[in-house]
Amino acid sequence: MHTLPTQCPFCSGEVTVTKIYCRECDTTYEGRFSAGTFFAQLSSKQLEFVETFVRCEGKINRMEQELNLSYPTIRNRLHEVIRAMGHEPGAPEDGALSETARRKVLEDLDAGQISYEDAIKLLEEGEA
C-alpha cells in the first residue's frame, strides 16, 4: 500500500484528503481530512531516516556506521526532518535554557563561580 502523499505531484501544492474508503464494510467517507501526524509530512526518504534513527536508538555514531555517512551529513538530515515536522532545530523548549545560557552556567561552575548545587538549580529551573 502507498503512503499518503503530502504534496501534489504536478504542482507541489499541499494535498488535502477528501475521500476515505473501507474495503471491509464498503463504506466511503467524504470530506476534508488532515493527515493528523507530523510523520505524514515527511518524505519517504525522511521516514527511512527516522526509522534508522529509532533503530539506532538515536546514536549518531551508530547511524554513521549503518548509513556510511559523516556526522555533519546525519545532523543535516536530522535537522531537515525536524523542520519538516514544523520545528526549528536547537530552539529551546518553553521554560528551558538557551544553549548560550546553559553554557554560561557550566562555565561558571567550571570556573568555581557557582556551586554544583547552584548549577543544578539553575539548569533545572531554567534561570540564567
Protein backbone atom coordinates (compact mmCIF):
# COMPACT_ATOMS: atom_id res chain seq x y z
CA MET A 1 0.00 0.00 0.00
CA HIS A 2 1.24 3.51 -0.77
CA THR A 3 1.82 6.18 1.85
CA LEU A 4 -0.42 9.23 1.93
CA PRO A 5 1.05 11.93 -0.34
CA THR A 6 1.51 15.34 1.24
CA GLN A 7 2.36 17.23 -1.97
CA CYS A 8 0.75 17.32 -5.39
CA PRO A 9 2.97 15.51 -7.92
CA PHE A 10 2.10 18.14 -10.55
CA CYS A 11 2.48 21.50 -8.79
CA SER A 12 3.96 20.57 -5.36
CA GLY A 13 0.95 22.15 -3.62
CA GLU A 14 -0.40 20.84 -0.33
CA VAL A 15 -2.65 17.80 -0.73
CA THR A 16 -5.95 17.51 1.16
CA VAL A 17 -7.51 14.08 1.61
CA THR A 18 -11.18 14.20 0.61
CA LYS A 19 -12.24 10.55 0.47
CA ILE A 20 -11.63 7.53 2.70
CA TYR A 21 -12.81 4.04 1.73
CA CYS A 22 -13.13 0.91 3.90
CA ARG A 23 -12.84 -2.36 1.96
CA GLU A 24 -14.22 -4.37 4.91
CA CYS A 25 -17.66 -2.75 5.01
CA ASP A 26 -17.67 -0.99 1.62
CA THR A 27 -18.13 2.40 3.27
CA THR A 28 -16.86 5.67 1.79
CA TYR A 29 -16.34 8.83 3.81
CA GLU A 30 -16.10 12.14 2.00
CA GLY A 31 -14.94 15.45 3.44
CA ARG A 32 -11.68 17.25 4.20
CA PHE A 33 -9.31 15.26 6.40
CA SER A 34 -5.96 16.29 7.83
CA ALA A 35 -3.06 13.90 7.77
CA GLY A 36 -3.03 14.16 11.55
CA THR A 37 0.60 13.45 12.41
CA PHE A 38 3.97 15.05 11.98
CA PHE A 39 5.14 11.90 10.20
CA ALA A 40 2.61 12.35 7.41
CA GLN A 41 4.53 15.49 6.43
CA LEU A 42 7.78 13.58 5.88
CA SER A 43 9.01 12.27 2.54
CA SER A 44 9.69 8.54 2.19
CA LYS A 45 13.43 9.27 2.39
CA GLN A 46 12.91 11.21 5.63
CA LEU A 47 10.76 8.40 7.06
CA GLU A 48 13.52 5.90 6.28
CA PHE A 49 15.96 8.18 8.10
CA VAL A 50 13.65 8.36 11.16
CA GLU A 51 13.28 4.57 11.15
CA THR A 52 17.07 4.18 11.11
CA PHE A 53 17.40 6.82 13.84
CA VAL A 54 14.98 4.91 16.08
CA ARG A 55 16.60 1.54 15.29
CA CYS A 56 19.99 3.03 16.22
CA GLU A 57 18.45 4.39 19.45
CA GLY A 58 19.28 7.96 18.40
CA LYS A 59 23.01 7.26 18.47
CA ILE A 60 24.58 9.18 15.63
CA ASN A 61 27.80 7.16 15.73
CA ARG A 62 25.76 4.00 15.01
CA MET A 63 23.97 5.83 12.19
CA GLU A 64 27.34 6.86 10.73
CA GLN A 65 28.29 3.18 10.52
CA GLU A 66 24.94 1.96 9.23
CA LEU A 67 24.42 4.67 6.62
CA ASN A 68 28.10 5.19 5.81
CA LEU A 69 27.63 8.96 6.17
CA SER A 70 29.55 11.61 8.07
CA TYR A 71 28.38 13.15 11.34
CA PRO A 72 27.62 16.55 9.71
CA THR A 73 25.54 14.87 6.97
CA ILE A 74 23.49 12.95 9.53
CA ARG A 75 22.95 16.10 11.62
CA ASN A 76 21.82 17.98 8.49
CA ARG A 77 19.33 15.24 7.62
CA LEU A 78 18.06 15.22 11.19
CA HIS A 79 17.58 18.99 11.02
CA GLU A 80 15.65 18.58 7.73
CA VAL A 81 13.30 16.13 9.46
CA ILE A 82 12.86 18.46 12.43
CA ARG A 83 12.00 21.37 10.10
CA ALA A 84 9.59 19.20 8.05
CA MET A 85 7.79 18.45 11.33
CA GLY A 86 7.31 22.19 11.87
CA HIS A 87 10.04 22.83 14.46
CA GLU A 88 13.34 24.68 14.45
CA PRO A 89 16.38 22.59 15.40
CA GLY A 90 18.17 23.75 18.51
CA ALA A 91 15.36 26.07 19.61
CA PRO A 92 14.92 25.88 23.38
CA GLU A 93 11.65 24.43 24.60
CA ASP A 94 9.36 26.52 26.77
CA GLY A 95 10.99 27.08 30.14
CA ALA A 96 14.32 25.62 29.02
CA LEU A 97 17.59 27.49 28.98
CA SER A 98 19.00 28.60 25.69
CA GLU A 99 22.22 26.91 24.66
CA THR A 100 24.15 30.11 25.45
CA ALA A 101 22.65 30.36 28.95
CA ARG A 102 23.29 26.66 29.62
CA ARG A 103 26.93 27.05 28.59
CA LYS A 104 27.29 30.11 30.84
CA VAL A 105 26.07 28.10 33.84
CA LEU A 106 28.54 25.31 33.04
CA GLU A 107 31.40 27.79 32.52
CA ASP A 108 30.59 29.48 35.85
CA LEU A 109 30.61 26.07 37.53
CA ASP A 110 33.92 25.16 35.90
CA ALA A 111 35.44 28.50 36.99
CA GLY A 112 34.28 27.92 40.58
CA GLN A 113 31.99 30.96 40.48
CA ILE A 114 28.93 28.89 41.46
CA SER A 115 28.49 25.66 43.41
CA TYR A 116 27.40 22.35 41.96
CA GLU A 117 24.06 22.69 43.75
CA ASP A 118 23.53 26.19 42.33
CA ALA A 119 24.36 24.96 38.83
CA ILE A 120 21.85 22.10 39.12
CA LYS A 121 19.20 24.51 40.39
CA LEU A 122 19.81 26.95 37.53
CA LEU A 123 19.75 24.22 34.90
CA GLU A 124 16.60 22.62 36.28
CA GLU A 125 14.69 25.86 36.80
CA GLY A 126 15.76 27.44 33.54
CA GLU A 127 17.05 30.60 35.21
CA ALA A 128 20.16 32.34 33.95
